[in-house]
Structures are given as structure tokens and as C-alpha cells.
């Protein structure tokens, strides 16, 4: 999930995530698991933590041939 800079800090990300979480719950899923790239904006991790997602482990993603530092995160529902 990415929010355009013009809309950051206005609560849109939280609203979008809450809607996504409700949708996932409606599917009877037991958790949400995400991978978050960490090398460009440190406030991203804070956003996910504030929304109840916990950091599990550091990883490295390979995205279109680029290696990116990231973390795996999870929220039990």
C-alpha cells in the first residue's frame, strides 16, 4: 500500500488499511502478513506498528532485479 505524499498524514492510510482488514476478516483469514521495504522512509514501519502489525524478521526482497532491505510483519486477527 502506498499513499501519495499529498495525502499523507491525513488519515487516509489508516482508513484504507481498516477497510482492507475488515475485508480480510470477512474472508475468515486468521492473519495479515506483509513485507515492508525499509530503506526509503522510516515512518512506514511506524505506520504499520501503530496499526497493530508486529515485526517478525529482517529480510531482503528481490524486486525487478534490485535487492531491497525489508521486514516481514504480521497481525493476528
C-alpha atoms as a PDB file:
ATOM      1  CA  UNK A   1       0.000   0.000   0.000  1.00  0.00           C
ATOM      2  CA  UNK A   2       1.312   3.411  -0.904  1.00  0.00           C
ATOM      3  CA  UNK A   3      -0.227   6.816  -0.278  1.00  0.00           C
ATOM      4  CA  UNK A   4       0.707   9.809  -2.433  1.00  0.00           C
ATOM      5  CA  UNK A   5       2.696  12.391  -0.458  1.00  0.00           C
ATOM      6  CA  UNK A   6      -0.087  14.980  -0.898  1.00  0.00           C
ATOM      7  CA  UNK A   7      -2.402  12.752   1.160  1.00  0.00           C
ATOM      8  CA  UNK A   8      -0.023  11.516   3.867  1.00  0.00           C
ATOM      9  CA  UNK A   9      -0.776  12.415   7.471  1.00  0.00           C
ATOM     10  CA  UNK A  10      -4.483  12.947   6.801  1.00  0.00           C
ATOM     11  CA  UNK A  11      -5.748   9.542   7.976  1.00  0.00           C
ATOM     12  CA  UNK A  12      -6.353   8.063   4.518  1.00  0.00           C
ATOM     13  CA  UNK A  13      -3.817   5.254   5.002  1.00  0.00           C
ATOM     14  CA  UNK A  14      -5.445   4.230   8.259  1.00  0.00           C
ATOM     15  CA  UNK A  15      -8.908   4.242   6.671  1.00  0.00           C
ATOM     16  CA  UNK A  16      -7.720   2.179   3.715  1.00  0.00           C
ATOM     17  CA  UNK A  17      -5.985  -0.325   5.969  1.00  0.00           C
ATOM     18  CA  UNK A  18      -9.044  -0.612   8.239  1.00  0.00           C
ATOM     19  CA  UNK A  19     -11.187  -1.385   5.193  1.00  0.00           C
ATOM     20  CA  UNK A  20      -8.668  -3.954   3.993  1.00  0.00           C
ATOM     21  CA  UNK A  21      -8.525  -5.545   7.448  1.00  0.00           C
ATOM     22  CA  UNK A  22     -12.322  -5.838   7.590  1.00  0.00           C
ATOM     23  CA  UNK A  23     -12.316  -7.425   4.127  1.00  0.00           C
ATOM     24  CA  UNK A  24      -9.643  -9.947   5.176  1.00  0.00           C
ATOM     25  CA  UNK A  25     -11.651 -10.790   8.306  1.00  0.00           C
ATOM     26  CA  UNK A  26     -14.764 -11.333   6.165  1.00  0.00           C
ATOM     27  CA  UNK A  27     -12.801 -13.989   4.283  1.00  0.00           C
ATOM     28  CA  UNK A  28     -12.190 -15.759   7.623  1.00  0.00           C
ATOM     29  CA  UNK A  29      -8.434 -15.196   7.394  1.00  0.00           C
ATOM     30  CA  UNK A  30      -6.562 -15.534  10.664  1.00  0.00           C
ATOM     31  CA  UNK A  31      -3.779 -13.035   9.983  1.00  0.00           C
ATOM     32  CA  UNK A  32      -2.350 -10.363   7.721  1.00  0.00           C
ATOM     33  CA  UNK A  33       1.291 -10.776   6.677  1.00  0.00           C
ATOM     34  CA  UNK A  34       3.190  -8.069   4.830  1.00  0.00           C
ATOM     35  CA  UNK A  35       6.725  -7.361   3.669  1.00  0.00           C
ATOM     36  CA  UNK A  36       7.772  -3.731   4.115  1.00  0.00           C
ATOM     37  CA  UNK A  37      10.735  -2.164   2.296  1.00  0.00           C
ATOM     38  CA  UNK A  38      12.704  -0.171   4.868  1.00  0.00           C
ATOM     39  CA  UNK A  39      15.375   1.813   3.037  1.00  0.00           C
ATOM     40  CA  UNK A  40      13.407   4.854   1.874  1.00  0.00           C
ATOM     41  CA  UNK A  41      11.057   6.090   4.605  1.00  0.00           C
ATOM     42  CA  UNK A  42      11.367   5.128   8.251  1.00  0.00           C
ATOM     43  CA  UNK A  43       7.864   6.398   9.086  1.00  0.00           C
ATOM     44  CA  UNK A  44       6.452   3.439   7.137  1.00  0.00           C
ATOM     45  CA  UNK A  45       7.313   0.984   9.918  1.00  0.00           C
ATOM     46  CA  UNK A  46       5.779   3.324  12.499  1.00  0.00           C
ATOM     47  CA  UNK A  47       2.536   3.372  10.481  1.00  0.00           C
ATOM     48  CA  UNK A  48       2.259  -0.412  10.465  1.00  0.00           C
ATOM     49  CA  UNK A  49       3.198  -0.752  14.130  1.00  0.00           C
ATOM     50  CA  UNK A  50       0.552   1.840  15.093  1.00  0.00           C
ATOM     51  CA  UNK A  51      -1.961  -0.302  13.200  1.00  0.00           C
ATOM     52  CA  UNK A  52      -1.164  -3.404  15.246  1.00  0.00           C
ATOM     53  CA  UNK A  53       1.276  -5.162  12.945  1.00  0.00           C
ATOM     54  CA  UNK A  54       4.395  -6.597  14.587  1.00  0.00           C
ATOM     55  CA  UNK A  55       7.841  -7.068  13.096  1.00  0.00           C
ATOM     56  CA  UNK A  56       8.836 -10.708  12.698  1.00  0.00           C
ATOM     57  CA  UNK A  57      12.201 -10.632  10.945  1.00  0.00           C
ATOM     58  CA  UNK A  58      14.525  -8.718   8.676  1.00  0.00           C
ATOM     59  CA  UNK A  59      14.608  -9.950   5.084  1.00  0.00           C
ATOM     60  CA  UNK A  60      15.869  -8.949   1.673  1.00  0.00           C
ATOM     61  CA  UNK A  61      13.474  -8.651  -1.259  1.00  0.00           C
ATOM     62  CA  UNK A  62      14.427  -9.061  -4.897  1.00  0.00           C
ATOM     63  CA  UNK A  63      12.201  -6.692  -6.847  1.00  0.00           C
ATOM     64  CA  UNK A  64      12.844  -6.430 -10.597  1.00  0.00           C
ATOM     65  CA  UNK A  65      16.487  -7.381 -10.075  1.00  0.00           C
ATOM     66  CA  UNK A  66      17.027  -4.943  -7.181  1.00  0.00           C
ATOM     67  CA  UNK A  67      17.790  -6.196  -3.706  1.00  0.00           C
ATOM     68  CA  UNK A  68      15.909  -4.210  -1.082  1.00  0.00           C
ATOM     69  CA  UNK A  69      16.149  -4.381   2.721  1.00  0.00           C
ATOM     70  CA  UNK A  70      12.775  -5.167   4.242  1.00  0.00           C
ATOM     71  CA  UNK A  71      10.981  -6.674   7.202  1.00  0.00           C
ATOM     72  CA  UNK A  72       8.281  -9.297   7.405  1.00  0.00           C
ATOM     73  CA  UNK A  73       5.388  -8.164   9.598  1.00  0.00           C
ATOM     74  CA  UNK A  74       2.211  -9.852  10.819  1.00  0.00           C
ATOM     75  CA  UNK A  75      -1.071  -9.110  12.573  1.00  0.00           C
ATOM     76  CA  UNK A  76      -3.214 -11.875  14.022  1.00  0.00           C
ATOM     77  CA  UNK A  77      -6.923 -11.305  13.519  1.00  0.00           C
END
